[in-house]
Amino acid sequence: MTPKERELEKENQKLREQIAGLQHRVKELEETKAASAPSKSRLQAEAVKAILDKDQLITREQLAQINPKYPSDPVYYFRQHFKETIITLKTASGTVYMTMSAHQKYLEGKKKEEAAAKKAAATPAVKEEVRQAVSA
């Protein structure tokens, strides 16, 4: 073996040791990450998800129980962690947050209520006209 080959072999050995050390460090970091507790934002996002899965909507009061200082933050964390869209509705009883599927159901219910209200409003007027025509 020539002196240059020996030098290259030594350098190669140093690089192999360096690679082995880095692989060991990567393994340690992965184990640490797996063992660490979830972040506060992740916990808040999961709390919102649990409520939305159960009730289909979440109120401002429920969010205040999750994060009293900043009640709207859990919704933001939910959007960031789960990449889902949350719809915000301002109702007479307060602000309500819901998923897209729940919002679609809400809109369908609103349309049915409006149609029923129109039908109910139109029906008495027709009866009154018939009564007036009969009595005349």
N, C-alpha and C. Protein backbone atom coordinates (compact mmCIF):
# COMPACT_ATOMS: atom_id res chain seq x y z
N MET A 1 0.84 -1.17 0.00
CA MET A 1 0.00 0.00 0.00
C MET A 1 0.89 1.24 0.00
N THR A 2 0.55 2.17 -0.83
CA THR A 2 1.35 3.39 -0.93
C THR A 2 0.97 4.35 0.20
N PRO A 3 1.84 5.28 0.49
CA PRO A 3 1.54 6.25 1.55
C PRO A 3 0.25 7.04 1.28
N LYS A 4 -0.01 7.33 0.03
CA LYS A 4 -1.23 8.08 -0.31
C LYS A 4 -2.46 7.24 -0.02
N GLU A 5 -2.40 5.93 -0.34
CA GLU A 5 -3.53 5.04 -0.06
C GLU A 5 -3.78 4.91 1.43
N ARG A 6 -2.68 4.84 2.24
CA ARG A 6 -2.83 4.76 3.69
C ARG A 6 -3.49 6.02 4.23
N GLU A 7 -3.09 7.16 3.69
CA GLU A 7 -3.68 8.43 4.13
C GLU A 7 -5.18 8.48 3.79
N LEU A 8 -5.51 8.01 2.59
CA LEU A 8 -6.91 7.98 2.18
C LEU A 8 -7.72 7.00 3.04
N GLU A 9 -7.09 5.87 3.39
CA GLU A 9 -7.75 4.88 4.24
C GLU A 9 -8.03 5.46 5.62
N LYS A 10 -7.08 6.21 6.19
CA LYS A 10 -7.27 6.84 7.50
C LYS A 10 -8.41 7.86 7.44
N GLU A 11 -8.42 8.65 6.37
CA GLU A 11 -9.47 9.66 6.20
C GLU A 11 -10.83 8.98 6.04
N ASN A 12 -10.82 7.87 5.29
CA ASN A 12 -12.06 7.11 5.09
C ASN A 12 -12.56 6.56 6.43
N GLN A 13 -11.67 6.06 7.27
CA GLN A 13 -12.03 5.53 8.58
C GLN A 13 -12.62 6.62 9.46
N LYS A 14 -12.02 7.82 9.44
CA LYS A 14 -12.56 8.95 10.22
C LYS A 14 -13.98 9.29 9.77
N LEU A 15 -14.19 9.29 8.47
CA LEU A 15 -15.53 9.62 7.94
C LEU A 15 -16.55 8.55 8.32
N ARG A 16 -16.15 7.28 8.32
CA ARG A 16 -17.06 6.20 8.74
C ARG A 16 -17.45 6.37 10.20
N GLU A 17 -16.47 6.71 11.05
CA GLU A 17 -16.75 6.94 12.46
C GLU A 17 -17.70 8.12 12.64
N GLN A 18 -17.48 9.14 11.85
CA GLN A 18 -18.33 10.32 11.91
C GLN A 18 -19.77 9.96 11.51
N ILE A 19 -19.91 9.16 10.46
CA ILE A 19 -21.24 8.73 10.00
C ILE A 19 -21.92 7.90 11.07
N ALA A 20 -21.18 6.97 11.68
CA ALA A 20 -21.75 6.13 12.73
C ALA A 20 -22.20 6.98 13.92
N GLY A 21 -21.42 7.98 14.29
CA GLY A 21 -21.79 8.88 15.39
C GLY A 21 -23.05 9.67 15.07
N LEU A 22 -23.14 10.16 13.84
CA LEU A 22 -24.31 10.93 13.44
C LEU A 22 -25.56 10.05 13.39
N GLN A 23 -25.42 8.82 12.91
CA GLN A 23 -26.56 7.91 12.88
C GLN A 23 -27.04 7.60 14.30
N HIS A 24 -26.10 7.44 15.20
CA HIS A 24 -26.45 7.19 16.60
C HIS A 24 -27.20 8.40 17.18
N ARG A 25 -26.75 9.60 16.87
CA ARG A 25 -27.39 10.82 17.35
C ARG A 25 -28.80 10.97 16.79
N VAL A 26 -28.98 10.64 15.51
CA VAL A 26 -30.30 10.71 14.89
C VAL A 26 -31.25 9.74 15.60
N LYS A 27 -30.77 8.56 15.89
CA LYS A 27 -31.58 7.57 16.58
C LYS A 27 -31.98 8.07 17.97
N GLU A 28 -31.05 8.68 18.68
CA GLU A 28 -31.35 9.23 20.01
C GLU A 28 -32.41 10.33 19.92
N LEU A 29 -32.27 11.21 18.94
CA LEU A 29 -33.25 12.30 18.79
C LEU A 29 -34.63 11.77 18.44
N GLU A 30 -34.71 10.75 17.61
CA GLU A 30 -36.01 10.18 17.27
C GLU A 30 -36.66 9.56 18.50
N GLU A 31 -35.88 8.88 19.32
CA GLU A 31 -36.41 8.28 20.54
C GLU A 31 -36.88 9.36 21.51
N THR A 32 -36.14 10.44 21.62
CA THR A 32 -36.51 11.54 22.50
C THR A 32 -37.80 12.19 22.03
N LYS A 33 -37.91 12.39 20.73
CA LYS A 33 -39.10 13.01 20.18
C LYS A 33 -40.33 12.14 20.42
N ALA A 34 -40.17 10.84 20.26
CA ALA A 34 -41.29 9.93 20.47
C ALA A 34 -41.70 9.90 21.93
N ALA A 35 -40.76 10.06 22.84
CA ALA A 35 -41.05 9.98 24.26
C ALA A 35 -41.54 11.30 24.85
N SER A 36 -41.34 12.40 24.15
CA SER A 36 -41.72 13.71 24.71
C SER A 36 -43.23 13.90 24.67
N ALA A 37 -43.72 14.72 25.56
CA ALA A 37 -45.15 15.01 25.64
C ALA A 37 -45.56 15.94 24.50
N PRO A 38 -46.81 15.85 24.06
CA PRO A 38 -47.26 16.74 22.99
C PRO A 38 -47.27 18.20 23.47
N SER A 39 -47.16 19.10 22.53
CA SER A 39 -47.12 20.52 22.86
C SER A 39 -48.49 21.01 23.34
N LYS A 40 -48.51 22.19 23.94
CA LYS A 40 -49.76 22.77 24.42
C LYS A 40 -50.71 23.03 23.26
N SER A 41 -50.16 23.49 22.15
CA SER A 41 -51.02 23.77 21.00
C SER A 41 -51.65 22.48 20.47
N ARG A 42 -50.88 21.40 20.46
CA ARG A 42 -51.41 20.12 20.00
C ARG A 42 -52.52 19.63 20.93
N LEU A 43 -52.31 19.78 22.23
CA LEU A 43 -53.33 19.37 23.19
C LEU A 43 -54.62 20.17 23.02
N GLN A 44 -54.49 21.47 22.78
CA GLN A 44 -55.67 22.31 22.57
C GLN A 44 -56.38 21.93 21.28
N ALA A 45 -55.62 21.65 20.24
CA ALA A 45 -56.21 21.25 18.96
C ALA A 45 -56.97 19.93 19.11
N GLU A 46 -56.41 19.01 19.86
CA GLU A 46 -57.08 17.72 20.07
C GLU A 46 -58.34 17.88 20.92
N ALA A 47 -58.32 18.81 21.86
CA ALA A 47 -59.52 19.08 22.66
C ALA A 47 -60.64 19.62 21.77
N VAL A 48 -60.31 20.52 20.86
CA VAL A 48 -61.30 21.07 19.93
C VAL A 48 -61.83 19.96 19.03
N LYS A 49 -60.93 19.12 18.54
CA LYS A 49 -61.34 18.01 17.67
C LYS A 49 -62.31 17.07 18.38
N ALA A 50 -62.03 16.77 19.65
CA ALA A 50 -62.91 15.89 20.42
C ALA A 50 -64.31 16.50 20.54
N ILE A 51 -64.39 17.80 20.80
CA ILE A 51 -65.69 18.46 20.93
C ILE A 51 -66.41 18.51 19.58
N LEU A 52 -65.68 18.83 18.51
CA LEU A 52 -66.29 18.91 17.19
C LEU A 52 -66.76 17.54 16.71
N ASP A 53 -66.02 16.49 17.03
CA ASP A 53 -66.44 15.15 16.63
C ASP A 53 -67.72 14.74 17.35
N LYS A 54 -67.86 15.19 18.60
CA LYS A 54 -69.01 14.80 19.41
C LYS A 54 -70.23 15.70 19.13
N ASP A 55 -70.04 17.01 19.14
CA ASP A 55 -71.16 17.95 19.07
C ASP A 55 -71.37 18.61 17.71
N GLN A 56 -70.43 18.52 16.81
CA GLN A 56 -70.49 19.14 15.49
C GLN A 56 -70.30 20.65 15.51
N LEU A 57 -70.34 21.27 16.68
CA LEU A 57 -70.03 22.70 16.78
C LEU A 57 -69.46 22.98 18.16
N ILE A 58 -68.76 24.11 18.26
CA ILE A 58 -68.13 24.48 19.53
C ILE A 58 -68.41 25.96 19.77
N THR A 59 -68.75 26.30 20.99
CA THR A 59 -69.09 27.68 21.33
C THR A 59 -67.88 28.39 21.94
N ARG A 60 -68.01 29.67 22.05
CA ARG A 60 -66.94 30.48 22.63
C ARG A 60 -66.71 30.11 24.10
N GLU A 61 -67.77 29.75 24.81
CA GLU A 61 -67.65 29.36 26.21
C GLU A 61 -66.83 28.07 26.35
N GLN A 62 -67.05 27.12 25.44
CA GLN A 62 -66.28 25.88 25.47
C GLN A 62 -64.80 26.16 25.17
N LEU A 63 -64.55 27.08 24.26
CA LEU A 63 -63.17 27.44 23.94
C LEU A 63 -62.51 28.13 25.13
N ALA A 64 -63.28 28.91 25.88
CA ALA A 64 -62.73 29.58 27.06
C ALA A 64 -62.34 28.57 28.13
N GLN A 65 -62.99 27.42 28.16
CA GLN A 65 -62.60 26.37 29.10
C GLN A 65 -61.26 25.74 28.69
N ILE A 66 -61.01 25.69 27.40
CA ILE A 66 -59.75 25.10 26.91
C ILE A 66 -58.60 26.08 27.12
N ASN A 67 -58.81 27.35 26.73
CA ASN A 67 -57.78 28.37 26.88
C ASN A 67 -58.45 29.66 27.36
N PRO A 68 -58.48 29.89 28.66
CA PRO A 68 -59.19 31.06 29.20
C PRO A 68 -58.62 32.40 28.76
N LYS A 69 -57.31 32.47 28.57
CA LYS A 69 -56.69 33.75 28.24
C LYS A 69 -56.96 34.14 26.78
N TYR A 70 -56.83 33.19 25.85
CA TYR A 70 -57.05 33.46 24.42
C TYR A 70 -58.00 32.39 23.86
N PRO A 71 -59.31 32.60 23.98
CA PRO A 71 -60.27 31.57 23.58
C PRO A 71 -60.24 31.19 22.10
N SER A 72 -59.81 32.08 21.22
CA SER A 72 -59.83 31.73 19.80
C SER A 72 -58.58 30.96 19.36
N ASP A 73 -57.56 30.89 20.19
CA ASP A 73 -56.34 30.18 19.82
C ASP A 73 -56.55 28.69 19.55
N PRO A 74 -57.36 27.96 20.33
CA PRO A 74 -57.54 26.54 20.03
C PRO A 74 -58.08 26.27 18.63
N VAL A 75 -58.92 27.16 18.11
CA VAL A 75 -59.44 26.99 16.76
C VAL A 75 -58.29 27.15 15.75
N TYR A 76 -57.44 28.14 15.98
CA TYR A 76 -56.27 28.34 15.12
C TYR A 76 -55.38 27.11 15.15
N TYR A 77 -55.12 26.58 16.34
CA TYR A 77 -54.27 25.39 16.46
C TYR A 77 -54.90 24.19 15.76
N PHE A 78 -56.23 24.08 15.85
CA PHE A 78 -56.93 22.99 15.17
C PHE A 78 -56.72 23.09 13.66
N ARG A 79 -56.85 24.32 13.14
CA ARG A 79 -56.66 24.52 11.70
C ARG A 79 -55.24 24.16 11.28
N GLN A 80 -54.26 24.53 12.09
CA GLN A 80 -52.86 24.29 11.74
C GLN A 80 -52.47 22.82 11.87
N HIS A 81 -52.91 22.16 12.92
CA HIS A 81 -52.48 20.78 13.15
C HIS A 81 -53.23 19.78 12.28
N PHE A 82 -54.53 19.99 12.09
CA PHE A 82 -55.33 19.02 11.36
C PHE A 82 -55.65 19.44 9.94
N LYS A 83 -55.26 20.63 9.55
CA LYS A 83 -55.45 21.14 8.19
C LYS A 83 -56.91 21.02 7.73
N GLU A 84 -57.81 21.37 8.62
CA GLU A 84 -59.23 21.36 8.31
C GLU A 84 -59.78 22.79 8.37
N THR A 85 -60.84 23.01 7.64
CA THR A 85 -61.46 24.32 7.62
C THR A 85 -62.52 24.41 8.71
N ILE A 86 -62.49 25.51 9.43
CA ILE A 86 -63.48 25.77 10.48
C ILE A 86 -64.26 27.02 10.06
N ILE A 87 -65.56 26.93 10.13
CA ILE A 87 -66.43 28.04 9.79
C ILE A 87 -66.84 28.76 11.08
N THR A 88 -66.78 30.08 11.05
CA THR A 88 -67.18 30.89 12.19
C THR A 88 -68.53 31.52 11.89
N LEU A 89 -69.50 31.29 12.78
CA LEU A 89 -70.82 31.88 12.63
C LEU A 89 -71.13 32.74 13.84
N LYS A 90 -71.61 33.94 13.60
CA LYS A 90 -72.04 34.80 14.69
C LYS A 90 -73.55 34.71 14.76
N THR A 91 -74.03 34.12 15.82
CA THR A 91 -75.46 33.94 16.01
C THR A 91 -75.94 34.85 17.13
N ALA A 92 -77.24 34.84 17.37
CA ALA A 92 -77.81 35.66 18.43
C ALA A 92 -77.30 35.20 19.80
N SER A 93 -77.03 33.90 19.93
CA SER A 93 -76.55 33.39 21.22
C SER A 93 -75.05 33.51 21.38
N GLY A 94 -74.33 33.91 20.34
CA GLY A 94 -72.88 34.09 20.43
C GLY A 94 -72.18 33.47 19.23
N THR A 95 -70.87 33.50 19.27
CA THR A 95 -70.07 32.95 18.18
C THR A 95 -69.99 31.44 18.29
N VAL A 96 -70.16 30.77 17.14
CA VAL A 96 -70.12 29.32 17.07
C VAL A 96 -69.14 28.92 15.97
N TYR A 97 -68.35 27.88 16.22
CA TYR A 97 -67.40 27.37 15.24
C TYR A 97 -67.82 25.96 14.85
N MET A 98 -67.71 25.64 13.54
CA MET A 98 -68.09 24.30 13.08
C MET A 98 -67.26 23.89 11.87
N THR A 99 -67.25 22.59 11.61
CA THR A 99 -66.52 22.07 10.45
C THR A 99 -67.35 22.32 9.20
N MET A 100 -66.75 22.06 8.05
CA MET A 100 -67.45 22.27 6.78
C MET A 100 -68.67 21.36 6.66
N SER A 101 -68.54 20.10 7.06
CA SER A 101 -69.67 19.17 6.95
C SER A 101 -70.83 19.62 7.85
N ALA A 102 -70.52 20.05 9.05
CA ALA A 102 -71.56 20.55 9.95
C ALA A 102 -72.18 21.83 9.39
N HIS A 103 -71.38 22.65 8.75
CA HIS A 103 -71.89 23.89 8.16
C HIS A 103 -72.86 23.59 7.03
N GLN A 104 -72.55 22.57 6.22
CA GLN A 104 -73.46 22.18 5.14
C GLN A 104 -74.81 21.73 5.71
N LYS A 105 -74.77 20.94 6.78
CA LYS A 105 -76.00 20.49 7.43
C LYS A 105 -76.76 21.68 8.00
N TYR A 106 -76.04 22.62 8.58
CA TYR A 106 -76.65 23.83 9.13
C TYR A 106 -77.37 24.62 8.04
N LEU A 107 -76.71 24.78 6.88
CA LEU A 107 -77.32 25.52 5.78
C LEU A 107 -78.55 24.81 5.24
N GLU A 108 -78.50 23.48 5.16
CA GLU A 108 -79.66 22.72 4.69
C GLU A 108 -80.83 22.90 5.66
N GLY A 109 -80.54 22.86 6.95
CA GLY A 109 -81.58 23.07 7.96
C GLY A 109 -82.19 24.46 7.86
N LYS A 110 -81.34 25.45 7.62
CA LYS A 110 -81.83 26.83 7.46
C LYS A 110 -82.76 26.94 6.26
N LYS A 111 -82.38 26.31 5.15
CA LYS A 111 -83.22 26.36 3.95
C LYS A 111 -84.57 25.71 4.20
N LYS A 112 -84.56 24.57 4.91
CA LYS A 112 -85.82 23.89 5.23
C LYS A 112 -86.70 24.76 6.13
N GLU A 113 -86.08 25.42 7.11
CA GLU A 113 -86.84 26.31 8.00
C GLU A 113 -87.44 27.47 7.24
N GLU A 114 -86.64 28.06 6.34
CA GLU A 114 -87.15 29.19 5.55
C GLU A 114 -88.29 28.74 4.64
N ALA A 115 -88.15 27.56 4.02
CA ALA A 115 -89.21 27.06 3.15
C ALA A 115 -90.47 26.79 3.96
N ALA A 116 -90.31 26.22 5.14
CA ALA A 116 -91.48 25.96 5.99
C ALA A 116 -92.13 27.26 6.44
N ALA A 117 -91.32 28.26 6.76
CA ALA A 117 -91.85 29.56 7.17
C ALA A 117 -92.61 30.23 6.01
N LYS A 118 -92.09 30.14 4.80
CA LYS A 118 -92.77 30.71 3.64
C LYS A 118 -94.08 29.99 3.38
N LYS A 119 -94.04 28.68 3.51
CA LYS A 119 -95.25 27.89 3.28
C LYS A 119 -96.31 28.22 4.33
N ALA A 120 -95.87 28.33 5.58
CA ALA A 120 -96.81 28.67 6.65
C ALA A 120 -97.36 30.07 6.48
N ALA A 121 -96.54 30.97 6.01
CA ALA A 121 -97.00 32.35 5.81
C ALA A 121 -97.95 32.44 4.62
N ALA A 122 -97.73 31.64 3.60
CA ALA A 122 -98.58 31.69 2.41
C ALA A 122 -99.91 30.98 2.63
N THR A 123 -99.95 29.96 3.42
CA THR A 123 -101.16 29.17 3.62
C THR A 123 -102.28 29.98 4.29
N PRO A 124 -102.08 30.72 5.38
CA PRO A 124 -103.19 31.48 5.98
C PRO A 124 -103.75 32.54 5.04
N ALA A 125 -102.96 33.13 4.21
CA ALA A 125 -103.46 34.16 3.30
C ALA A 125 -104.43 33.56 2.29
N VAL A 126 -104.16 32.38 1.84
CA VAL A 126 -105.04 31.72 0.88
C VAL A 126 -106.36 31.38 1.56
N LYS A 127 -106.35 30.91 2.78
CA LYS A 127 -107.57 30.57 3.50
C LYS A 127 -108.42 31.80 3.73
N GLU A 128 -107.79 32.91 4.05
CA GLU A 128 -108.53 34.16 4.27
C GLU A 128 -109.22 34.59 2.99
N GLU A 129 -108.53 34.47 1.86
CA GLU A 129 -109.13 34.86 0.60
C GLU A 129 -110.33 33.98 0.28
N VAL A 130 -110.22 32.68 0.58
CA VAL A 130 -111.32 31.76 0.31
C VAL A 130 -112.50 32.09 1.21
N ARG A 131 -112.25 32.41 2.48
CA ARG A 131 -113.32 32.74 3.40
C ARG A 131 -114.05 34.02 2.99
N GLN A 132 -113.28 34.99 2.51
CA GLN A 132 -113.89 36.25 2.09
C GLN A 132 -114.75 36.02 0.83
N ALA A 133 -114.28 35.18 -0.05
CA ALA A 133 -115.03 34.92 -1.27
C ALA A 133 -116.31 34.15 -0.95
N VAL A 134 -116.26 33.24 0.00
CA VAL A 134 -117.41 32.46 0.36
C VAL A 134 -118.45 33.33 1.06
N SER A 135 -118.05 34.21 1.95
CA SER A 135 -118.97 35.03 2.69
C SER A 135 -119.59 36.15 1.84
N ALA A 136 -119.00 36.46 0.73
CA ALA A 136 -119.52 37.55 -0.10
C ALA A 136 -120.61 37.11 -0.99
